[in-house]
C-alpha atoms as a PDB file:
ATOM      1  CA  MET A   1      -0.026   8.948   0.205  1.00  0.00           C
ATOM      2  CA  LEU A   2      -1.147  10.611   3.416  1.00  0.00           C
ATOM      3  CA  ILE A   3      -4.271   9.064   4.984  1.00  0.00           C
ATOM      4  CA  ALA A   4      -4.411  10.830   8.361  1.00  0.00           C
ATOM      5  CA  ARG A   5      -2.351  12.759  10.879  1.00  0.00           C
ATOM      6  CA  ASN A   6      -2.469  13.166  14.653  1.00  0.00           C
ATOM      7  CA  VAL A   7      -4.993  10.372  15.234  1.00  0.00           C
ATOM      8  CA  ARG A   8      -5.605  10.229  18.990  1.00  0.00           C
ATOM      9  CA  TYR A   9      -6.943   7.418  21.131  1.00  0.00           C
ATOM     10  CA  ARG A  10      -6.811   6.945  24.882  1.00  0.00           C
ATOM     11  CA  CYS A  11      -4.037   4.390  24.456  1.00  0.00           C
ATOM     12  CA  GLY A  12      -1.848   6.526  22.198  1.00  0.00           C
ATOM     13  CA  GLU A  13      -1.456   8.811  19.220  1.00  0.00           C
ATOM     14  CA  LEU A  14      -0.500   8.059  15.633  1.00  0.00           C
ATOM     15  CA  ASP A  15       1.447  10.985  14.179  1.00  0.00           C
ATOM     16  CA  LEU A  16       1.063  10.035  10.517  1.00  0.00           C
ATOM     17  CA  ILE A  17      -0.742   7.251   8.695  1.00  0.00           C
ATOM     18  CA  MET A  18       0.321   6.787   5.086  1.00  0.00           C
ATOM     19  CA  THR A  19       0.321   4.183   2.364  1.00  0.00           C
ATOM     20  CA  ASP A  20       3.308   2.730   0.550  1.00  0.00           C
ATOM     21  CA  GLY A  21       1.827   0.721  -2.272  1.00  0.00           C
ATOM     22  CA  LEU A  22      -0.660  -1.648  -0.610  1.00  0.00           C
ATOM     23  CA  GLN A  23       1.019  -1.322   2.788  1.00  0.00           C
ATOM     24  CA  VAL A  24      -0.265   0.938   5.571  1.00  0.00           C
ATOM     25  CA  VAL A  25       2.580   2.805   7.276  1.00  0.00           C
ATOM     26  CA  PHE A  26       2.264   4.184  10.805  1.00  0.00           C
ATOM     27  CA  ILE A  27       4.885   6.879  11.285  1.00  0.00           C
ATOM     28  CA  GLU A  28       6.115   8.164  14.642  1.00  0.00           C
ATOM     29  CA  VAL A  29       7.827  11.556  14.388  1.00  0.00           C
ATOM     30  CA  ARG A  30      10.321  12.408  17.141  1.00  0.00           C
ATOM     31  CA  TYR A  31      12.086  15.734  17.563  1.00  0.00           C
ATOM     32  CA  ARG A  32      14.784  16.696  20.032  1.00  0.00           C
ATOM     33  CA  SER A  33      16.240  20.190  20.099  1.00  0.00           C
ATOM     34  CA  ARG A  34      19.108  18.982  22.314  1.00  0.00           C
ATOM     35  CA  SER A  35      20.680  15.602  22.979  1.00  0.00           C
ATOM     36  CA  ASP A  36      21.168  16.076  26.743  1.00  0.00           C
ATOM     37  CA  TYR A  37      18.589  13.382  27.489  1.00  0.00           C
ATOM     38  CA  GLY A  38      19.450  11.013  24.671  1.00  0.00           C
ATOM     39  CA  SER A  39      18.522  10.832  21.028  1.00  0.00           C
ATOM     40  CA  ALA A  40      15.030  11.207  19.636  1.00  0.00           C
ATOM     41  CA  ALA A  41      15.179   7.609  18.367  1.00  0.00           C
ATOM     42  CA  ALA A  42      16.046   6.302  21.833  1.00  0.00           C
ATOM     43  CA  SER A  43      12.920   7.958  23.218  1.00  0.00           C
ATOM     44  CA  VAL A  44      10.765   5.352  21.452  1.00  0.00           C
ATOM     45  CA  ASP A  45      11.037   2.750  24.170  1.00  0.00           C
ATOM     46  CA  HIS A  46       9.085  -0.486  24.696  1.00  0.00           C
ATOM     47  CA  ARG A  47       6.116   1.290  26.334  1.00  0.00           C
ATOM     48  CA  LYS A  48       5.884   3.850  23.522  1.00  0.00           C
ATOM     49  CA  ARG A  49       5.986   1.070  20.941  1.00  0.00           C
ATOM     50  CA  GLN A  50       3.174  -0.742  22.789  1.00  0.00           C
ATOM     51  CA  ARG A  51       1.027   2.410  22.711  1.00  0.00           C
ATOM     52  CA  LEU A  52       1.685   2.859  18.995  1.00  0.00           C
ATOM     53  CA  VAL A  53       0.738  -0.734  18.229  1.00  0.00           C
ATOM     54  CA  ARG A  54      -2.479  -0.498  20.289  1.00  0.00           C
ATOM     55  CA  ALA A  55      -3.464   2.740  18.560  1.00  0.00           C
ATOM     56  CA  ALA A  56      -2.709   1.204  15.153  1.00  0.00           C
ATOM     57  CA  LEU A  57      -4.857  -1.838  15.981  1.00  0.00           C
ATOM     58  CA  LEU A  58      -7.735   0.437  16.989  1.00  0.00           C
ATOM     59  CA  TRP A  59      -7.412   2.406  13.770  1.00  0.00           C
ATOM     60  CA  LEU A  60      -7.289  -0.789  11.704  1.00  0.00           C
ATOM     61  CA  SER A  61     -10.277  -2.302  13.535  1.00  0.00           C
ATOM     62  CA  ARG A  62     -12.438   0.630  12.419  1.00  0.00           C
ATOM     63  CA  ARG A  63     -11.673   0.080   8.745  1.00  0.00           C
ATOM     64  CA  PRO A  64     -13.738  -2.265   6.585  1.00  0.00           C
ATOM     65  CA  GLY A  65     -12.267  -5.230   4.809  1.00  0.00           C
ATOM     66  CA  PRO A  66      -9.310  -7.480   5.458  1.00  0.00           C
ATOM     67  CA  LEU A  67      -6.307  -6.258   7.431  1.00  0.00           C
ATOM     68  CA  PRO A  68      -3.635  -4.801   5.158  1.00  0.00           C
ATOM     69  CA  ALA A  69       0.088  -5.332   5.524  1.00  0.00           C
ATOM     70  CA  CYS A  70       1.452  -2.744   7.965  1.00  0.00           C
ATOM     71  CA  ARG A  71       4.767  -1.205   8.905  1.00  0.00           C
ATOM     72  CA  PHE A  72       5.975   1.113  11.692  1.00  0.00           C
ATOM     73  CA  ASP A  73       8.432   3.804  10.631  1.00  0.00           C
ATOM     74  CA  LEU A  74      10.289   6.326  12.732  1.00  0.00           C
ATOM     75  CA  VAL A  75      11.219   9.832  11.611  1.00  0.00           C
ATOM     76  CA  VAL A  76      13.938  11.414  13.762  1.00  0.00           C
ATOM     77  CA  LEU A  77      14.505  15.167  13.643  1.00  0.00           C
ATOM     78  CA  GLY A  78      16.950  17.381  15.477  1.00  0.00           C
ATOM     79  CA  PRO A  79      19.713  19.900  14.948  1.00  0.00           C
ATOM     80  CA  GLY A  80      21.532  18.648  11.867  1.00  0.00           C
ATOM     81  CA  GLN A  81      19.675  15.342  11.957  1.00  0.00           C
ATOM     82  CA  ARG A  82      16.951  14.028   9.662  1.00  0.00           C
ATOM     83  CA  LEU A  83      16.443  10.293   9.501  1.00  0.00           C
ATOM     84  CA  TRP A  84      13.580   8.199   8.174  1.00  0.00           C
ATOM     85  CA  LEU A  85      13.823   4.661   9.521  1.00  0.00           C
ATOM     86  CA  PRO A  86      11.436   2.383   7.585  1.00  0.00           C
ATOM     87  CA  GLY A  87      10.367  -0.690   9.542  1.00  0.00           C
ATOM     88  CA  ALA A  88      11.900   0.765  12.716  1.00  0.00           C
ATOM     89  CA  PHE A  89      10.189  -1.876  14.835  1.00  0.00           C
ATOM     90  CA  LEU A  90       7.839  -4.830  14.543  1.00  0.00           C
ATOM     91  CA  ALA A  91       4.492  -5.230  16.262  1.00  0.00           C
ATOM     92  CA  GLY A  92       5.102  -8.895  17.078  1.00  0.00           C
ATOM     93  CA  GLY A  93       5.559  -9.633  20.754  1.00  0.00           C
ATOM     94  CA  LEU A  94       4.283  -6.239  21.870  1.00  0.00           C
ATOM     95  CA  LEU A  95       0.689  -7.230  22.487  1.00  0.00           C
END
């Protein structure tokens, strides 16, 4: 179920926030029209992951109640390419 889209903070943006059962899923959507500069998935580097985690923590901190289980997914789009990578990366070690 969709909770929010394009949530912006100074530290980063969350493209989609959804639920999968009791789990909150933060989804980064990446599109590349050409692969000259690498794949869309490769564009989610360590710094981008840090920004996503910080933005997710801000979003979670503004919600009442205990912290839910969370997951970071990556959706990769491009010519002839559509991939949904559940659990694409973990937040541990990024903070």
